[in-house]
Amino acid sequence: MMLEQHRALYLNCEKCHHSRKMSLPELIDRHGDLALQVVLERAVCTRCGARWPNITLQVPPDNAPRVR
């Protein structure tokens, strides 16, 4: 559903404050159509190696201002 709506998905590390926008098509190609909770539970920070619960997931609303 998020892919159809062209929504963004960000994973944020609360430990080292690293943040990364995730590619939904890439996630689906790699893992199939997963629930967001499963994505969160499998996430690992590429900077410090932290895992859930130190990783949070953010889906900005559709009407959020776009930063360029």
Protein backbone atom coordinates (compact mmCIF):
# COMPACT_ATOMS: atom_id res chain seq x y z
CA MET A 1 0.00 0.00 0.00
CA MET A 2 2.83 2.43 0.86
CA LEU A 3 4.48 1.71 -2.49
CA GLU A 4 1.26 2.48 -4.37
CA GLN A 5 0.97 5.78 -2.48
CA HIS A 6 4.65 6.65 -3.18
CA ARG A 7 5.29 7.08 0.56
CA ALA A 8 8.74 7.48 2.08
CA LEU A 9 10.09 5.25 4.83
CA TYR A 10 12.91 6.35 7.13
CA LEU A 11 14.78 4.28 9.69
CA ASN A 12 16.40 6.24 12.51
CA CYS A 13 19.01 4.97 14.96
CA GLU A 14 18.41 6.37 18.43
CA LYS A 15 21.90 5.26 19.51
CA CYS A 16 24.10 7.10 17.00
CA HIS A 17 21.45 9.36 15.37
CA HIS A 18 22.07 7.90 11.91
CA SER A 19 19.05 8.16 9.61
CA ARG A 20 18.40 6.58 6.23
CA LYS A 21 15.60 6.77 3.70
CA MET A 22 14.73 3.25 2.65
CA SER A 23 13.84 2.24 -0.89
CA LEU A 24 10.47 0.48 -0.72
CA PRO A 25 10.88 -1.28 -4.09
CA GLU A 26 14.30 -2.57 -2.97
CA LEU A 27 12.91 -3.80 0.38
CA ILE A 28 10.05 -5.61 -1.36
CA ASP A 29 12.40 -7.17 -3.94
CA ARG A 30 14.72 -8.39 -1.18
CA HIS A 31 12.21 -9.50 1.48
CA GLY A 32 8.77 -9.64 -0.12
CA ASP A 33 5.74 -7.71 1.06
CA LEU A 34 6.51 -7.32 4.78
CA ALA A 35 4.58 -5.63 7.53
CA LEU A 36 6.29 -2.49 8.87
CA GLN A 37 6.77 -4.17 12.26
CA VAL A 38 8.77 -6.97 10.58
CA VAL A 39 10.93 -4.41 8.74
CA LEU A 40 11.60 -2.66 12.05
CA GLU A 41 12.46 -5.89 13.87
CA ARG A 42 14.94 -6.90 11.12
CA ALA A 43 16.57 -3.47 10.76
CA VAL A 44 20.23 -2.97 11.69
CA CYS A 45 21.99 0.40 11.75
CA THR A 46 24.72 0.41 9.12
CA ARG A 47 26.79 2.84 11.18
CA CYS A 48 26.80 1.34 14.71
CA GLY A 49 25.04 -2.02 14.37
CA ALA A 50 22.14 -1.17 16.70
CA ARG A 51 18.91 -3.15 16.37
CA TRP A 52 15.35 -2.77 17.56
CA PRO A 53 14.34 -1.18 20.00
CA ASN A 54 17.09 1.37 19.29
CA ILE A 55 15.85 1.69 15.70
CA THR A 56 12.69 3.67 15.01
CA LEU A 57 10.64 3.88 11.87
CA GLN A 58 9.17 7.07 10.45
CA VAL A 59 6.60 7.48 7.69
CA PRO A 60 6.07 11.20 7.07
CA PRO A 61 2.50 12.24 6.24
CA ASP A 62 1.60 12.89 2.61
CA ASN A 63 1.24 16.61 3.22
CA ALA A 64 4.64 17.04 4.89
CA PRO A 65 6.80 19.79 3.34
CA ARG A 66 9.39 18.44 0.92
CA VAL A 67 13.00 19.32 1.68
CA ARG A 68 15.32 19.68 -1.30
